[in-house]
Amino acid sequence: MIGFLTLLYKELLRFWKVGFQTVFAPMLSSLLYLMIFSHTLEEHVQAYPGVPYTVFLIPGLVIMAMLQNAFANSSSSLIQSKVSGNLVFMLLSPISYQEIFMAYVLASVVRGLVVGLGIYGVTVFFFDLPLYSFLWIFIFALMGTALLGALGIIAGIWADKFEQLAAFQNFVILPLTFLSGVFYTIQSLPPFWQGLSHLNPFFYMIDGFRYGFFHTSDASPYLSVGILAVCFLGVSWGTLRMLKKGYKIRQ
C-alpha cells in the first residue's frame, strides 16, 4: 500500500498547494451564481412549495461545484503529467493500475468534498437551509465525485494537450451539469425535455443530493443510487481497461 498512499498524498498535496485556485475560486464562483440568480429570480420562481428559490438553488450549486472539481482534479493532474513528461516516473514505479485508479479517484473525492463543504459552510450563515438526511447527502456526494473522478481519468488519458481536455470539459461535462436541474426542477419542463433529462446521469446526482436537504425529489433516491452505481461501475471498468493496456500513456 506504500505506492498507493504515496500517490494519494502527492495528489492531495498537488491541489492543496494551490488552494486559492482549486478550492477558493470554485467557492467564489458558486457564491456569484447564487447572488445573481437569487437576485433576479427569487420573486419569480418557486421550485418546491414553501421553499424560497435561493434555498432551492444552494444544494444544486454545491453539488455542481463538487462534480466539476472532482473531474478537474484527476483530468488536470494526468494531462499535466503527460505534457511535462513526468508521467513516466509513475509508470516505472511498482504501483499497480488499480492503485493508480484508486489514488486518483479518492483524491478527486476529497477535493470535491472540500469544495462542497466550503460552499455549504459559507451559505449556511446567511440562509436557513433545511437538512433532512445527512446520509443521503453523503451518499450522493460520494458517488457523484467518485464517478466524475473516474471520468476525469478517462479524459486525462484521452487528451494529448490542454485544448482537448478543455473541449471535453466544455462540450461534455459542462452541458450535462447545467442541463441536470441545478437551476430548476425538471417538472417545470415540457414532457419531451423531462424525458431527455432522465437520460442524463448528472440529473440523478443533483436530484438525489437535493433530496437529502428537502425530502423532495423528481426521481426516487433509490433509483438514482442504482443508476449512479451502474454508471460508476461502467466508467470504472473502462478506466481500468485503459490503465491496464496503457492506452496513450505507455503506447
Protein backbone atom coordinates (compact mmCIF):
# COMPACT_ATOMS: atom_id res chain seq x y z
CA MET A 1 0.00 0.00 0.00
CA ILE A 2 3.05 2.32 0.16
CA GLY A 3 2.79 3.16 -3.55
CA PHE A 4 -0.92 3.86 -3.34
CA LEU A 5 -0.57 6.05 -0.24
CA THR A 6 2.36 7.95 -1.75
CA LEU A 7 0.46 8.69 -4.96
CA LEU A 8 -2.63 9.68 -2.97
CA TYR A 9 -0.57 12.02 -0.82
CA LYS A 10 1.00 13.54 -3.92
CA GLU A 11 -2.42 14.16 -5.48
CA LEU A 12 -3.83 15.67 -2.30
CA LEU A 13 -0.79 17.89 -1.88
CA ARG A 14 -0.96 18.96 -5.53
CA PHE A 15 -4.39 20.58 -5.28
CA TRP A 16 -3.94 21.82 -1.71
CA LYS A 17 -0.75 23.72 -2.56
CA VAL A 18 -2.77 25.88 -4.96
CA GLY A 19 -5.85 26.05 -2.75
CA PHE A 20 -6.81 29.55 -3.86
CA GLN A 21 -7.23 28.21 -7.39
CA THR A 22 -8.61 24.74 -6.65
CA VAL A 23 -10.79 25.42 -3.59
CA PHE A 24 -11.49 29.10 -3.02
CA ALA A 25 -12.02 30.04 -6.67
CA PRO A 26 -14.88 27.49 -7.12
CA MET A 27 -16.38 28.72 -3.85
CA LEU A 28 -16.35 32.30 -5.15
CA SER A 29 -17.86 31.26 -8.50
CA SER A 30 -20.72 29.41 -6.78
CA LEU A 31 -21.44 32.36 -4.49
CA LEU A 32 -21.56 34.68 -7.52
CA TYR A 33 -24.06 32.32 -9.19
CA LEU A 34 -26.11 32.39 -6.01
CA MET A 35 -26.09 36.18 -5.76
CA ILE A 36 -27.04 36.74 -9.39
CA PHE A 37 -29.74 34.10 -9.75
CA SER A 38 -31.28 34.72 -6.34
CA HIS A 39 -31.46 38.45 -7.01
CA THR A 40 -33.10 38.07 -10.42
CA LEU A 41 -35.37 35.05 -9.87
CA GLU A 42 -36.20 34.98 -6.15
CA GLU A 43 -39.56 36.72 -6.62
CA HIS A 44 -40.48 34.90 -9.84
CA VAL A 45 -39.63 31.22 -9.33
CA GLN A 46 -40.68 28.70 -6.70
CA ALA A 47 -39.35 25.22 -7.37
CA TYR A 48 -40.81 23.46 -4.31
CA PRO A 49 -43.87 24.61 -2.31
CA GLY A 50 -42.80 26.76 0.60
CA VAL A 51 -39.10 26.69 -0.39
CA PRO A 52 -37.57 30.01 -1.48
CA TYR A 53 -35.74 29.81 -4.78
CA THR A 54 -32.43 30.81 -3.22
CA VAL A 55 -32.63 27.96 -0.71
CA PHE A 56 -33.57 25.55 -3.51
CA LEU A 57 -30.58 26.73 -5.52
CA ILE A 58 -27.90 26.21 -2.85
CA PRO A 59 -27.72 22.36 -2.91
CA GLY A 60 -27.58 22.40 -6.70
CA LEU A 61 -24.67 24.83 -6.71
CA VAL A 62 -22.87 22.82 -4.03
CA ILE A 63 -23.06 19.51 -5.91
CA MET A 64 -22.31 21.19 -9.25
CA ALA A 65 -19.07 22.63 -7.86
CA MET A 66 -18.19 19.28 -6.31
CA LEU A 67 -18.67 17.41 -9.57
CA GLN A 68 -16.75 19.89 -11.69
CA ASN A 69 -13.82 19.98 -9.28
CA ALA A 70 -13.69 16.20 -8.89
CA PHE A 71 -13.43 15.92 -12.67
CA ALA A 72 -10.86 18.70 -12.89
CA ASN A 73 -8.65 17.15 -10.22
CA SER A 74 -7.92 13.83 -11.91
CA SER A 75 -8.04 15.10 -15.50
CA SER A 76 -5.77 18.10 -14.94
CA SER A 77 -3.25 16.04 -12.97
CA LEU A 78 -2.92 13.46 -15.74
CA ILE A 79 -2.68 15.93 -18.59
CA GLN A 80 -0.07 17.98 -16.71
CA SER A 81 1.97 14.83 -16.10
CA LYS A 82 1.72 13.86 -19.78
CA VAL A 83 2.65 17.30 -21.08
CA SER A 84 5.54 17.82 -18.64
CA GLY A 85 6.81 14.28 -19.18
CA ASN A 86 6.90 13.22 -15.53
CA LEU A 87 4.19 10.58 -16.03
CA VAL A 88 6.95 8.11 -16.87
CA PHE A 89 8.16 8.12 -13.25
CA MET A 90 4.78 6.91 -12.03
CA LEU A 91 4.66 4.24 -14.75
CA LEU A 92 8.11 2.97 -13.82
CA SER A 93 7.25 2.72 -10.14
CA PRO A 94 5.88 -0.57 -8.70
CA ILE A 95 2.30 0.70 -8.49
CA SER A 96 -0.50 -1.37 -10.00
CA TYR A 97 -3.07 0.18 -12.29
CA GLN A 98 -5.74 -0.50 -9.65
CA GLU A 99 -3.78 1.55 -7.12
CA ILE A 100 -3.36 4.36 -9.64
CA PHE A 101 -7.10 4.34 -10.24
CA MET A 102 -7.98 4.38 -6.54
CA ALA A 103 -5.49 7.14 -5.71
CA TYR A 104 -6.74 9.48 -8.42
CA VAL A 105 -10.40 8.82 -7.67
CA LEU A 106 -10.00 9.20 -3.92
CA ALA A 107 -8.07 12.45 -4.31
CA SER A 108 -10.85 13.74 -6.60
CA VAL A 109 -13.46 12.80 -4.00
CA VAL A 110 -11.54 14.67 -1.29
CA ARG A 111 -11.22 17.81 -3.40
CA GLY A 112 -14.90 17.70 -4.32
CA LEU A 113 -15.95 17.27 -0.69
CA VAL A 114 -13.68 20.09 0.48
CA VAL A 115 -15.14 22.47 -2.09
CA GLY A 116 -18.70 21.40 -1.26
CA LEU A 117 -18.19 21.81 2.49
CA GLY A 118 -16.68 25.23 1.91
CA ILE A 119 -19.64 26.47 -0.12
CA TYR A 120 -22.13 24.97 2.31
CA GLY A 121 -20.29 26.45 5.30
CA VAL A 122 -20.47 29.95 3.84
CA THR A 123 -24.08 29.86 2.66
CA VAL A 124 -25.47 28.31 5.85
CA PHE A 125 -24.54 31.51 7.72
CA PHE A 126 -26.84 33.57 5.51
CA PHE A 127 -29.70 31.19 4.67
CA ASP A 128 -31.82 28.83 6.70
CA LEU A 129 -31.13 25.63 4.79
CA PRO A 130 -33.10 22.51 5.86
CA LEU A 131 -31.30 19.21 6.37
CA TYR A 132 -33.44 16.08 6.05
CA SER A 133 -30.83 13.32 5.87
CA PHE A 134 -27.07 13.70 6.08
CA LEU A 135 -26.74 10.06 4.93
CA TRP A 136 -28.42 10.70 1.58
CA ILE A 137 -26.35 13.84 1.10
CA PHE A 138 -23.14 11.95 1.78
CA ILE A 139 -24.10 9.01 -0.46
CA PHE A 140 -24.79 11.18 -3.49
CA ALA A 141 -21.79 13.43 -2.83
CA LEU A 142 -19.53 10.39 -2.61
CA MET A 143 -20.96 8.62 -5.66
CA GLY A 144 -21.03 11.78 -7.77
CA THR A 145 -17.46 12.85 -7.04
CA ALA A 146 -16.16 9.29 -7.46
CA LEU A 147 -17.90 8.98 -10.84
CA LEU A 148 -16.53 12.32 -12.05
CA GLY A 149 -13.09 11.47 -10.71
CA ALA A 150 -13.07 8.27 -12.77
CA LEU A 151 -14.40 10.14 -15.80
CA GLY A 152 -11.62 12.68 -15.32
CA ILE A 153 -9.04 9.90 -15.60
CA ILE A 154 -10.54 8.87 -18.94
CA ALA A 155 -10.44 12.46 -20.18
CA GLY A 156 -6.88 12.94 -18.95
CA ILE A 157 -5.72 9.75 -20.67
CA TRP A 158 -7.55 10.53 -23.90
CA ALA A 159 -6.39 14.15 -24.20
CA ASP A 160 -2.95 14.85 -25.62
CA LYS A 161 -2.98 18.55 -24.84
CA PHE A 162 -4.83 21.07 -22.70
CA GLU A 163 -7.05 22.19 -25.58
CA GLN A 164 -8.51 18.70 -25.96
CA LEU A 165 -9.16 18.45 -22.24
CA ALA A 166 -10.86 21.86 -22.26
CA ALA A 167 -13.05 20.73 -25.17
CA PHE A 168 -14.07 17.59 -23.24
CA GLN A 169 -15.00 19.67 -20.22
CA ASN A 170 -16.80 22.41 -22.17
CA PHE A 171 -18.75 20.15 -24.54
CA VAL A 172 -19.46 17.16 -22.28
CA ILE A 173 -19.16 17.91 -18.57
CA LEU A 174 -20.45 21.49 -18.52
CA PRO A 175 -23.61 20.91 -20.62
CA LEU A 176 -24.54 17.75 -18.72
CA THR A 177 -24.11 19.63 -15.45
CA PHE A 178 -26.08 22.73 -16.40
CA LEU A 179 -28.89 20.70 -18.01
CA SER A 180 -29.38 18.44 -14.99
CA GLY A 181 -31.64 20.61 -12.85
CA VAL A 182 -29.15 22.74 -10.97
CA PHE A 183 -31.14 25.92 -11.54
CA TYR A 184 -34.62 24.43 -11.97
CA THR A 185 -36.78 21.41 -11.32
CA ILE A 186 -37.44 19.25 -14.35
CA GLN A 187 -41.17 19.27 -13.54
CA SER A 188 -41.19 22.79 -14.99
CA LEU A 189 -40.03 21.46 -18.37
CA PRO A 190 -42.19 20.22 -21.28
CA PRO A 191 -42.68 16.41 -21.39
CA PHE A 192 -40.07 15.88 -24.12
CA TRP A 193 -37.34 17.65 -22.16
CA GLN A 194 -38.36 15.89 -18.96
CA GLY A 195 -37.82 12.56 -20.68
CA LEU A 196 -34.50 13.73 -22.07
CA SER A 197 -33.39 14.86 -18.61
CA HIS A 198 -33.95 11.35 -17.27
CA LEU A 199 -31.24 10.13 -19.68
CA ASN A 200 -28.71 12.45 -18.06
CA PRO A 201 -26.87 10.73 -15.18
CA PHE A 202 -25.97 14.13 -13.73
CA PHE A 203 -29.67 14.69 -13.08
CA TYR A 204 -29.75 11.77 -10.64
CA MET A 205 -26.70 13.06 -8.77
CA ILE A 206 -28.19 16.51 -8.27
CA ASP A 207 -31.75 15.34 -7.67
CA GLY A 208 -30.65 12.78 -5.08
CA PHE A 209 -28.30 15.24 -3.38
CA ARG A 210 -31.12 17.78 -3.13
CA TYR A 211 -33.39 15.08 -1.70
CA GLY A 212 -31.10 14.91 1.34
CA PHE A 213 -31.97 18.53 2.11
CA PHE A 214 -35.66 18.83 1.22
CA HIS A 215 -37.03 15.25 1.36
CA THR A 216 -38.44 16.01 -2.09
CA SER A 217 -37.16 14.83 -5.44
CA ASP A 218 -38.22 14.31 -9.04
CA ALA A 219 -36.96 10.70 -9.02
CA SER A 220 -36.78 8.04 -6.34
CA PRO A 221 -33.46 8.30 -4.46
CA TYR A 222 -33.16 4.50 -4.58
CA LEU A 223 -33.50 4.58 -8.36
CA SER A 224 -30.91 7.36 -8.50
CA VAL A 225 -28.46 5.35 -6.40
CA GLY A 226 -28.94 2.31 -8.66
CA ILE A 227 -28.37 4.30 -11.84
CA LEU A 228 -25.28 6.01 -10.45
CA ALA A 229 -23.88 2.68 -9.24
CA VAL A 230 -24.25 1.22 -12.73
CA CYS A 231 -22.66 4.32 -14.29
CA PHE A 232 -19.76 4.23 -11.85
CA LEU A 233 -19.11 0.54 -12.44
CA GLY A 234 -19.21 1.07 -16.21
CA VAL A 235 -16.90 4.10 -16.16
CA SER A 236 -14.56 2.39 -13.69
CA TRP A 237 -14.35 -0.71 -15.88
CA GLY A 238 -13.46 1.42 -18.89
CA THR A 239 -10.91 3.42 -16.92
CA LEU A 240 -9.22 0.31 -15.53
CA ARG A 241 -9.05 -1.21 -19.02
CA MET A 242 -7.35 1.93 -20.34
CA LEU A 243 -4.86 1.96 -17.46
CA LYS A 244 -4.12 -1.75 -17.79
CA LYS A 245 -3.46 -1.53 -21.53
CA GLY A 246 -1.54 1.72 -21.17
CA TYR A 247 -3.70 3.47 -23.75
CA LYS A 248 -1.98 6.75 -24.72
CA ILE A 249 0.29 6.55 -21.66
CA ARG A 250 2.51 3.57 -22.46
CA GLN A 251 1.97 3.44 -26.22
